Amino acid sequence: MLTTVGQVADRAMELGIVAVVGPAEDDLRERPWSYYGRDIAGALIDMMEEWGAGVRVHPKVDGLLEGYRDLFGRFAASSGGAVTITDVELLDTADGERIRMLVNGDELVWHLEHQCDRYIDTLMVFEIADRLAPRDDTDPRVFVEVNDSDDQSGYIFADPAALSILIRELGIEPA
């Protein structure tokens, strides 16, 4: 059973979910898994984000364009270069709001629905997360959604089979 931060880190590295857990986490290795909180799924998202393999979606932003650029920049960074996301822009069209970006050099345009200018469209993120995949067809990693107990989304860039093993071993209900 995985009970410490170090054990989770070792297992995530063994499964190929994270390459290396940095030296900053060395002092956390013996801490109990609960160090990251009682919400196991939320803790996993936070850990993976710290270790460079995850993204937590923060819906509230100061500005929509900068919020989307930051979010998709974090998606790209968490892929370790396997996925590139550039040129994020918002468009006002006759058909409504759209987001446009280049994913691995290919244009992706998607419909947006904003309730106000302080919150990103999290449904759109959910809808396109599976399109943010490596160009290399032999790379099995994708962004897998994980929901914490507050129904806040996070995405972990991993081989779904490997991540499902870790999720099962941690006792997290699949999304």
C-alpha atoms as a PDB file:
ATOM      1  CA  MET A   1       0.000   0.000   0.000  1.00  0.00           C
ATOM      2  CA  LEU A   2       1.245   3.477  -0.892  1.00  0.00           C
ATOM      3  CA  THR A   3       1.303   5.518   2.307  1.00  0.00           C
ATOM      4  CA  THR A   4       4.069   8.120   1.859  1.00  0.00           C
ATOM      5  CA  VAL A   5       4.783  10.812  -0.704  1.00  0.00           C
ATOM      6  CA  GLY A   6       8.018   8.987  -1.560  1.00  0.00           C
ATOM      7  CA  GLN A   7       6.202   5.724  -2.243  1.00  0.00           C
ATOM      8  CA  VAL A   8       3.753   7.480  -4.577  1.00  0.00           C
ATOM      9  CA  ALA A   9       6.661   9.239  -6.314  1.00  0.00           C
ATOM     10  CA  ASP A  10       8.564   5.982  -6.743  1.00  0.00           C
ATOM     11  CA  ARG A  11       5.502   4.189  -8.093  1.00  0.00           C
ATOM     12  CA  ALA A  12       4.709   7.043 -10.512  1.00  0.00           C
ATOM     13  CA  MET A  13       8.309   6.904 -11.793  1.00  0.00           C
ATOM     14  CA  GLU A  14       8.198   3.087 -12.038  1.00  0.00           C
ATOM     15  CA  LEU A  15       5.006   3.336 -14.138  1.00  0.00           C
ATOM     16  CA  GLY A  16       6.569   5.999 -16.367  1.00  0.00           C
ATOM     17  CA  ILE A  17       4.082   8.701 -15.361  1.00  0.00           C
ATOM     18  CA  VAL A  18       6.801  11.056 -14.173  1.00  0.00           C
ATOM     19  CA  ALA A  19      10.404  10.946 -15.298  1.00  0.00           C
ATOM     20  CA  VAL A  20      12.091  12.155 -12.138  1.00  0.00           C
ATOM     21  CA  VAL A  21      10.873  13.695  -8.927  1.00  0.00           C
ATOM     22  CA  GLY A  22      13.142  16.652  -8.262  1.00  0.00           C
ATOM     23  CA  PRO A  23      15.376  17.307  -5.268  1.00  0.00           C
ATOM     24  CA  ALA A  24      12.906  19.852  -3.866  1.00  0.00           C
ATOM     25  CA  GLU A  25      10.648  16.929  -3.002  1.00  0.00           C
ATOM     26  CA  ASP A  26      13.382  14.974  -1.205  1.00  0.00           C
ATOM     27  CA  ASP A  27      12.399  16.478   2.151  1.00  0.00           C
ATOM     28  CA  LEU A  28       8.789  15.378   1.534  1.00  0.00           C
ATOM     29  CA  ARG A  29       9.515  11.726   0.768  1.00  0.00           C
ATOM     30  CA  GLU A  30       8.804  10.451   4.280  1.00  0.00           C
ATOM     31  CA  ARG A  31       5.712  12.585   4.742  1.00  0.00           C
ATOM     32  CA  PRO A  32       2.431  10.711   4.773  1.00  0.00           C
ATOM     33  CA  TRP A  33       0.372  10.787   1.605  1.00  0.00           C
ATOM     34  CA  SER A  34      -2.148  12.896   3.581  1.00  0.00           C
ATOM     35  CA  TYR A  35       0.396  15.757   3.524  1.00  0.00           C
ATOM     36  CA  TYR A  36      -1.314  16.809   0.283  1.00  0.00           C
ATOM     37  CA  GLY A  37      -4.766  16.668   1.882  1.00  0.00           C
ATOM     38  CA  ARG A  38      -7.499  14.182   2.599  1.00  0.00           C
ATOM     39  CA  ASP A  39      -8.891  14.304  -0.948  1.00  0.00           C
ATOM     40  CA  ILE A  40      -6.784  11.597  -2.599  1.00  0.00           C
ATOM     41  CA  ALA A  41      -7.676  12.572  -6.182  1.00  0.00           C
ATOM     42  CA  GLY A  42      -6.978  16.242  -5.443  1.00  0.00           C
ATOM     43  CA  ALA A  43      -3.676  15.277  -3.833  1.00  0.00           C
ATOM     44  CA  LEU A  44      -2.714  13.247  -6.910  1.00  0.00           C
ATOM     45  CA  ILE A  45      -3.472  16.201  -9.202  1.00  0.00           C
ATOM     46  CA  ASP A  46      -1.428  18.540  -6.994  1.00  0.00           C
ATOM     47  CA  MET A  47       1.494  16.122  -6.820  1.00  0.00           C
ATOM     48  CA  MET A  48       1.541  15.537 -10.566  1.00  0.00           C
ATOM     49  CA  GLU A  49       1.353  19.277 -11.195  1.00  0.00           C
ATOM     50  CA  GLU A  50       4.343  19.832  -8.879  1.00  0.00           C
ATOM     51  CA  TRP A  51       6.233  17.027 -10.592  1.00  0.00           C
ATOM     52  CA  GLY A  52       5.547  18.403 -14.069  1.00  0.00           C
ATOM     53  CA  ALA A  53       3.051  15.813 -15.334  1.00  0.00           C
ATOM     54  CA  GLY A  54      -0.249  17.435 -14.425  1.00  0.00           C
ATOM     55  CA  VAL A  55      -2.416  20.504 -14.827  1.00  0.00           C
ATOM     56  CA  ARG A  56      -5.090  21.712 -12.438  1.00  0.00           C
ATOM     57  CA  VAL A  57      -7.778  23.770 -14.152  1.00  0.00           C
ATOM     58  CA  HIS A  58      -8.470  27.031 -12.336  1.00  0.00           C
ATOM     59  CA  PRO A  59     -11.689  28.407 -13.845  1.00  0.00           C
ATOM     60  CA  LYS A  60     -11.453  31.905 -12.356  1.00  0.00           C
ATOM     61  CA  VAL A  61      -9.052  34.176 -14.245  1.00  0.00           C
ATOM     62  CA  ASP A  62      -8.147  37.855 -14.347  1.00  0.00           C
ATOM     63  CA  GLY A  63      -8.658  37.952 -18.112  1.00  0.00           C
ATOM     64  CA  LEU A  64      -9.927  35.326 -20.517  1.00  0.00           C
ATOM     65  CA  LEU A  65      -7.165  35.468 -23.121  1.00  0.00           C
ATOM     66  CA  GLU A  66      -4.360  35.414 -20.567  1.00  0.00           C
ATOM     67  CA  GLY A  67      -6.199  32.692 -18.625  1.00  0.00           C
ATOM     68  CA  TYR A  68      -6.388  30.467 -21.695  1.00  0.00           C
ATOM     69  CA  ARG A  69      -2.784  31.180 -22.671  1.00  0.00           C
ATOM     70  CA  ASP A  70      -1.622  30.282 -19.176  1.00  0.00           C
ATOM     71  CA  LEU A  71      -3.731  27.118 -19.042  1.00  0.00           C
ATOM     72  CA  PHE A  72      -2.666  25.802 -22.435  1.00  0.00           C
ATOM     73  CA  GLY A  73       0.930  26.791 -21.735  1.00  0.00           C
ATOM     74  CA  ARG A  74       0.760  24.584 -18.639  1.00  0.00           C
ATOM     75  CA  PHE A  75      -0.760  21.756 -20.704  1.00  0.00           C
ATOM     76  CA  ALA A  76       2.135  21.986 -23.170  1.00  0.00           C
ATOM     77  CA  ALA A  77       4.742  22.198 -20.391  1.00  0.00           C
ATOM     78  CA  SER A  78       3.325  19.166 -18.587  1.00  0.00           C
ATOM     79  CA  SER A  79       3.740  17.114 -21.766  1.00  0.00           C
ATOM     80  CA  GLY A  80       7.502  17.667 -21.641  1.00  0.00           C
ATOM     81  CA  GLY A  81       7.508  18.878 -25.245  1.00  0.00           C
ATOM     82  CA  ALA A  82       5.461  15.982 -26.650  1.00  0.00           C
ATOM     83  CA  VAL A  83       2.582  18.403 -27.315  1.00  0.00           C
ATOM     84  CA  THR A  84       3.043  21.978 -28.511  1.00  0.00           C
ATOM     85  CA  ILE A  85       0.304  24.548 -28.087  1.00  0.00           C
ATOM     86  CA  THR A  86       0.922  28.024 -29.501  1.00  0.00           C
ATOM     87  CA  ASP A  87      -0.816  31.081 -30.886  1.00  0.00           C
ATOM     88  CA  VAL A  88      -3.822  30.921 -28.548  1.00  0.00           C
ATOM     89  CA  GLU A  89      -6.350  33.598 -29.434  1.00  0.00           C
ATOM     90  CA  LEU A  90     -10.010  34.380 -28.879  1.00  0.00           C
ATOM     91  CA  LEU A  91     -12.259  35.211 -31.808  1.00  0.00           C
ATOM     92  CA  ASP A  92     -15.663  36.855 -31.973  1.00  0.00           C
ATOM     93  CA  THR A  93     -17.443  35.438 -35.012  1.00  0.00           C
ATOM     94  CA  ALA A  94     -20.953  35.621 -36.397  1.00  0.00           C
ATOM     95  CA  ASP A  95     -21.463  32.138 -34.902  1.00  0.00           C
ATOM     96  CA  GLY A  96     -20.282  33.216 -31.441  1.00  0.00           C
ATOM     97  CA  GLU A  97     -17.067  33.076 -29.461  1.00  0.00           C
ATOM     98  CA  ARG A  98     -14.265  30.767 -30.556  1.00  0.00           C
ATOM     99  CA  ILE A  99     -10.833  29.864 -29.310  1.00  0.00           C
ATOM    100  CA  ARG A 100      -8.136  29.270 -31.897  1.00  0.00           C
ATOM    101  CA  MET A 101      -4.740  27.699 -31.265  1.00  0.00           C
ATOM    102  CA  LEU A 102      -2.082  25.647 -32.961  1.00  0.00           C
ATOM    103  CA  VAL A 103      -1.682  22.173 -31.487  1.00  0.00           C
ATOM    104  CA  ASN A 104       1.460  20.498 -32.804  1.00  0.00           C
ATOM    105  CA  GLY A 105       1.327  23.045 -35.631  1.00  0.00           C
ATOM    106  CA  ASP A 106      -2.242  22.161 -36.644  1.00  0.00           C
ATOM    107  CA  GLU A 107      -5.056  24.670 -36.227  1.00  0.00           C
ATOM    108  CA  LEU A 108      -7.715  23.870 -33.642  1.00  0.00           C
ATOM    109  CA  VAL A 109     -10.788  26.100 -33.435  1.00  0.00           C
ATOM    110  CA  TRP A 110     -13.489  25.442 -30.855  1.00  0.00           C
ATOM    111  CA  HIS A 111     -16.746  27.033 -29.738  1.00  0.00           C
ATOM    112  CA  LEU A 112     -16.735  28.806 -26.364  1.00  0.00           C
ATOM    113  CA  GLU A 113     -19.498  29.722 -23.968  1.00  0.00           C
ATOM    114  CA  HIS A 114     -18.626  32.285 -21.316  1.00  0.00           C
ATOM    115  CA  GLN A 115     -20.988  33.218 -18.550  1.00  0.00           C
ATOM    116  CA  CYS A 116     -18.769  36.197 -17.724  1.00  0.00           C
ATOM    117  CA  ASP A 117     -15.279  37.477 -18.510  1.00  0.00           C
ATOM    118  CA  ARG A 118     -13.768  36.135 -15.264  1.00  0.00           C
ATOM    119  CA  TYR A 119     -14.259  32.390 -15.846  1.00  0.00           C
ATOM    120  CA  ILE A 120     -12.878  30.200 -18.609  1.00  0.00           C
ATOM    121  CA  ASP A 121     -15.101  27.673 -20.359  1.00  0.00           C
ATOM    122  CA  THR A 122     -14.132  24.486 -18.510  1.00  0.00           C
ATOM    123  CA  LEU A 123     -16.492  22.384 -20.625  1.00  0.00           C
ATOM    124  CA  MET A 124     -14.458  23.365 -23.695  1.00  0.00           C
ATOM    125  CA  VAL A 125     -11.286  22.230 -21.930  1.00  0.00           C
ATOM    126  CA  PHE A 126     -12.912  18.873 -21.186  1.00  0.00           C
ATOM    127  CA  GLU A 127     -14.089  18.570 -24.803  1.00  0.00           C
ATOM    128  CA  ILE A 128     -10.683  19.197 -26.373  1.00  0.00           C
ATOM    129  CA  ALA A 129      -8.314  17.614 -23.831  1.00  0.00           C
ATOM    130  CA  ASP A 130      -8.137  14.401 -25.858  1.00  0.00           C
ATOM    131  CA  ARG A 131      -7.135  16.417 -28.939  1.00  0.00           C
ATOM    132  CA  LEU A 132      -4.047  17.643 -27.088  1.00  0.00           C
ATOM    133  CA  ALA A 133      -2.074  14.516 -27.894  1.00  0.00           C
ATOM    134  CA  PRO A 134       1.486  13.916 -29.081  1.00  0.00           C
ATOM    135  CA  ARG A 135       2.046  14.080 -32.818  1.00  0.00           C
ATOM    136  CA  ASP A 136       4.014  10.822 -32.492  1.00  0.00           C
ATOM    137  CA  ASP A 137       1.381   8.095 -32.908  1.00  0.00           C
ATOM    138  CA  THR A 138       3.557   5.628 -31.001  1.00  0.00           C
ATOM    139  CA  ASP A 139       3.416   7.754 -27.823  1.00  0.00           C
ATOM    140  CA  PRO A 140       0.469   6.410 -25.790  1.00  0.00           C
ATOM    141  CA  ARG A 141       0.322   9.364 -23.407  1.00  0.00           C
ATOM    142  CA  VAL A 142      -2.742  11.594 -23.332  1.00  0.00           C
ATOM    143  CA  PHE A 143      -4.269  14.048 -20.892  1.00  0.00           C
ATOM    144  CA  VAL A 144      -6.424  11.998 -18.539  1.00  0.00           C
ATOM    145  CA  GLU A 145      -9.027  13.864 -16.512  1.00  0.00           C
ATOM    146  CA  VAL A 146      -9.062  13.374 -12.752  1.00  0.00           C
ATOM    147  CA  ASN A 147     -11.729  15.046 -10.604  1.00  0.00           C
ATOM    148  CA  ASP A 148     -11.194  15.895  -6.977  1.00  0.00           C
ATOM    149  CA  SER A 149     -13.941  15.715  -4.343  1.00  0.00           C
ATOM    150  CA  ASP A 150     -15.007  19.299  -5.178  1.00  0.00           C
ATOM    151  CA  ASP A 151     -15.520  18.309  -8.846  1.00  0.00           C
ATOM    152  CA  GLN A 152     -12.572  20.467  -9.858  1.00  0.00           C
ATOM    153  CA  SER A 153     -10.747  19.100 -12.869  1.00  0.00           C
ATOM    154  CA  GLY A 154      -7.158  18.218 -13.275  1.00  0.00           C
ATOM    155  CA  TYR A 155      -5.391  16.465 -16.117  1.00  0.00           C
ATOM    156  CA  ILE A 156      -2.439  14.124 -15.877  1.00  0.00           C
ATOM    157  CA  PHE A 157      -0.297  13.514 -18.953  1.00  0.00           C
ATOM    158  CA  ALA A 158       0.320   9.784 -18.915  1.00  0.00           C
ATOM    159  CA  ASP A 159      -0.271   6.460 -20.582  1.00  0.00           C
ATOM    160  CA  PRO A 160      -3.878   5.765 -19.493  1.00  0.00           C
ATOM    161  CA  ALA A 161      -3.058   2.130 -18.671  1.00  0.00           C
ATOM    162  CA  ALA A 162      -0.211   3.149 -16.345  1.00  0.00           C
ATOM    163  CA  LEU A 163      -2.236   5.911 -14.719  1.00  0.00           C
ATOM    164  CA  SER A 164      -5.167   3.552 -14.133  1.00  0.00           C
ATOM    165  CA  ILE A 165      -2.824   1.262 -12.174  1.00  0.00           C
ATOM    166  CA  LEU A 166      -1.686   4.130  -9.950  1.00  0.00           C
ATOM    167  CA  ILE A 167      -5.251   5.397  -9.512  1.00  0.00           C
ATOM    168  CA  ARG A 168      -6.428   1.926  -8.536  1.00  0.00           C
ATOM    169  CA  GLU A 169      -3.534   1.454  -6.087  1.00  0.00           C
ATOM    170  CA  LEU A 170      -4.373   4.798  -4.450  1.00  0.00           C
ATOM    171  CA  GLY A 171      -8.049   3.878  -4.151  1.00  0.00           C
ATOM    172  CA  ILE A 172      -9.304   6.700  -6.371  1.00  0.00           C
ATOM    173  CA  GLU A 173     -12.577   6.261  -8.221  1.00  0.00           C
ATOM    174  CA  PRO A 174     -11.992   6.626 -11.983  1.00  0.00           C
ATOM    175  CA  ALA A 175     -13.481   9.780 -13.582  1.00  0.00           C
END
